[in-house]
Protein backbone atom coordinates (compact mmCIF):
# COMPACT_ATOMS: atom_id res chain seq x y z
CA MET A 1 -5.32 106.79 58.07
CA ASP A 2 -3.36 105.06 60.84
CA MET A 3 0.14 104.27 59.56
CA ILE A 4 1.79 100.95 60.40
CA ASN A 5 5.33 99.78 59.90
CA TRP A 6 6.55 96.79 57.89
CA ASP A 7 6.84 94.60 61.00
CA ASP A 8 3.15 95.24 61.81
CA PHE A 9 2.16 94.10 58.32
CA THR A 10 4.31 90.97 58.38
CA ARG A 11 2.62 89.82 61.61
CA VAL A 12 -0.74 89.50 59.79
CA GLU A 13 -1.04 86.00 58.30
CA LEU A 14 -3.00 86.56 55.08
CA ARG A 15 -3.33 83.17 53.43
CA VAL A 16 -5.18 81.71 50.46
CA GLY A 17 -7.70 78.99 51.12
CA THR A 18 -10.44 77.15 49.26
CA ILE A 19 -14.01 77.13 50.56
CA VAL A 20 -14.89 73.46 51.12
CA ALA A 21 -18.32 73.96 52.77
CA ALA A 22 -20.87 76.76 52.96
CA GLU A 23 -24.19 76.74 54.80
CA PRO A 24 -26.75 79.22 56.09
CA PHE A 25 -26.08 80.82 59.47
CA PRO A 26 -29.56 81.82 60.67
CA GLU A 27 -28.35 82.50 64.23
CA ALA A 28 -26.12 85.39 63.11
CA ARG A 29 -27.33 88.90 63.95
CA ARG A 30 -26.75 90.04 60.35
CA PRO A 31 -27.28 87.77 57.35
CA ALA A 32 -24.23 85.53 57.04
CA TYR A 33 -22.97 82.15 55.93
CA ARG A 34 -20.94 79.58 57.87
CA LEU A 35 -17.87 78.69 55.83
CA ARG A 36 -15.21 76.02 56.16
CA VAL A 37 -12.00 77.03 54.39
CA ASP A 38 -9.05 74.74 53.63
CA PHE A 39 -5.79 76.65 54.13
CA GLY A 40 -3.54 73.72 53.21
CA PRO A 41 -1.64 71.10 55.22
CA GLU A 42 0.24 73.53 57.50
CA ILE A 43 -2.91 75.32 58.77
CA GLY A 44 -5.75 72.95 57.88
CA GLU A 45 -9.44 73.81 57.74
CA ARG A 46 -10.84 76.81 59.58
CA LYS A 47 -14.42 77.93 60.22
CA SER A 48 -15.61 81.46 59.53
CA SER A 49 -18.78 83.49 59.57
CA ALA A 50 -19.00 85.67 56.47
CA GLN A 51 -21.52 88.45 55.77
CA ILE A 52 -21.48 87.88 52.01
CA THR A 53 -25.12 86.91 51.41
CA ASP A 54 -25.91 89.95 49.23
CA LEU A 55 -23.66 88.95 46.34
CA TYR A 56 -22.96 85.23 46.75
CA ALA A 57 -25.24 82.19 46.67
CA LEU A 58 -24.25 79.19 48.79
CA GLU A 59 -23.97 76.93 45.76
CA ASP A 60 -21.44 79.31 44.14
CA LEU A 61 -19.03 79.41 47.08
CA VAL A 62 -17.69 75.86 47.39
CA GLY A 63 -14.47 75.56 45.40
CA ARG A 64 -13.72 79.31 45.39
CA GLN A 65 -10.39 80.52 46.66
CA VAL A 66 -10.44 83.38 49.18
CA ILE A 67 -7.91 85.35 51.20
CA GLY A 68 -8.22 84.99 54.95
CA VAL A 69 -6.49 86.19 58.11
CA VAL A 70 -5.57 83.01 59.98
CA ASN A 71 -3.79 84.38 63.06
CA PHE A 72 -6.60 86.23 64.84
CA PRO A 73 -7.77 84.56 68.04
CA PRO A 74 -11.04 82.62 67.64
CA LYS A 75 -14.16 84.77 68.04
CA GLN A 76 -17.49 83.52 69.32
CA ILE A 77 -20.26 84.51 66.89
CA GLY A 78 -23.55 83.20 68.19
CA PRO A 79 -23.25 79.42 68.55
CA MET A 80 -20.05 79.12 66.44
CA ARG A 81 -16.38 79.92 66.98
CA SER A 82 -14.99 81.77 63.99
CA GLU A 83 -11.37 80.70 63.46
CA CYS A 84 -10.37 82.99 60.60
CA LEU A 85 -11.46 86.20 58.89
CA VAL A 86 -12.40 85.88 55.24
CA THR A 87 -11.49 89.23 53.67
CA GLY A 88 -13.52 91.43 51.38
CA PHE A 89 -14.31 94.99 50.36
CA TYR A 90 -17.46 96.96 51.17
CA ARG A 91 -19.30 98.51 48.24
CA ASP A 92 -21.21 101.79 48.62
CA ASP A 93 -24.43 99.81 49.13
CA GLY A 94 -22.89 97.84 52.02
CA ALA A 95 -22.51 94.57 50.12
CA VAL A 96 -19.20 92.74 50.60
CA VAL A 97 -17.09 91.68 47.60
CA LEU A 98 -14.69 88.85 48.44
CA ALA A 99 -10.94 89.49 48.16
CA VAL A 100 -9.68 86.66 45.95
CA PRO A 101 -6.54 85.79 43.97
CA ASP A 102 -7.03 86.30 40.23
CA GLN A 103 -5.32 82.98 39.48
CA ALA A 104 -5.25 79.68 41.35
CA VAL A 105 -2.49 79.37 43.96
CA PRO A 106 -1.76 76.60 46.47
CA ASN A 107 -3.89 76.62 49.61
CA GLY A 108 -1.89 78.18 52.42
CA ALA A 109 0.10 80.52 50.16
CA LYS A 110 0.95 83.67 52.11
CA LEU A 111 0.35 87.18 50.84
CA GLY A 112 3.61 89.02 51.00
């Protein structure tokens, strides 16, 4: 395990956002969805590609809160620019389980 210090951790902007749109992303190399996540008035909406198709149906995603990293530089993924990283945990079978708050919090709230 690579150890980091407190300053390293505080530089990562982990924020809560609500998924406002989810659609298929057939151009992705691995099965994925295109998400639009609202991180509140300070940050606004960000686009993300998320490899969460094993456990989540599109119709179940809109309205869910997720935790995302909002201060990575944009990354080109096929024809889209991903503007945030929606976080999750890999299961033994490779499926991704979303990292989510267990109670509703305001969009844009920072993990800290």
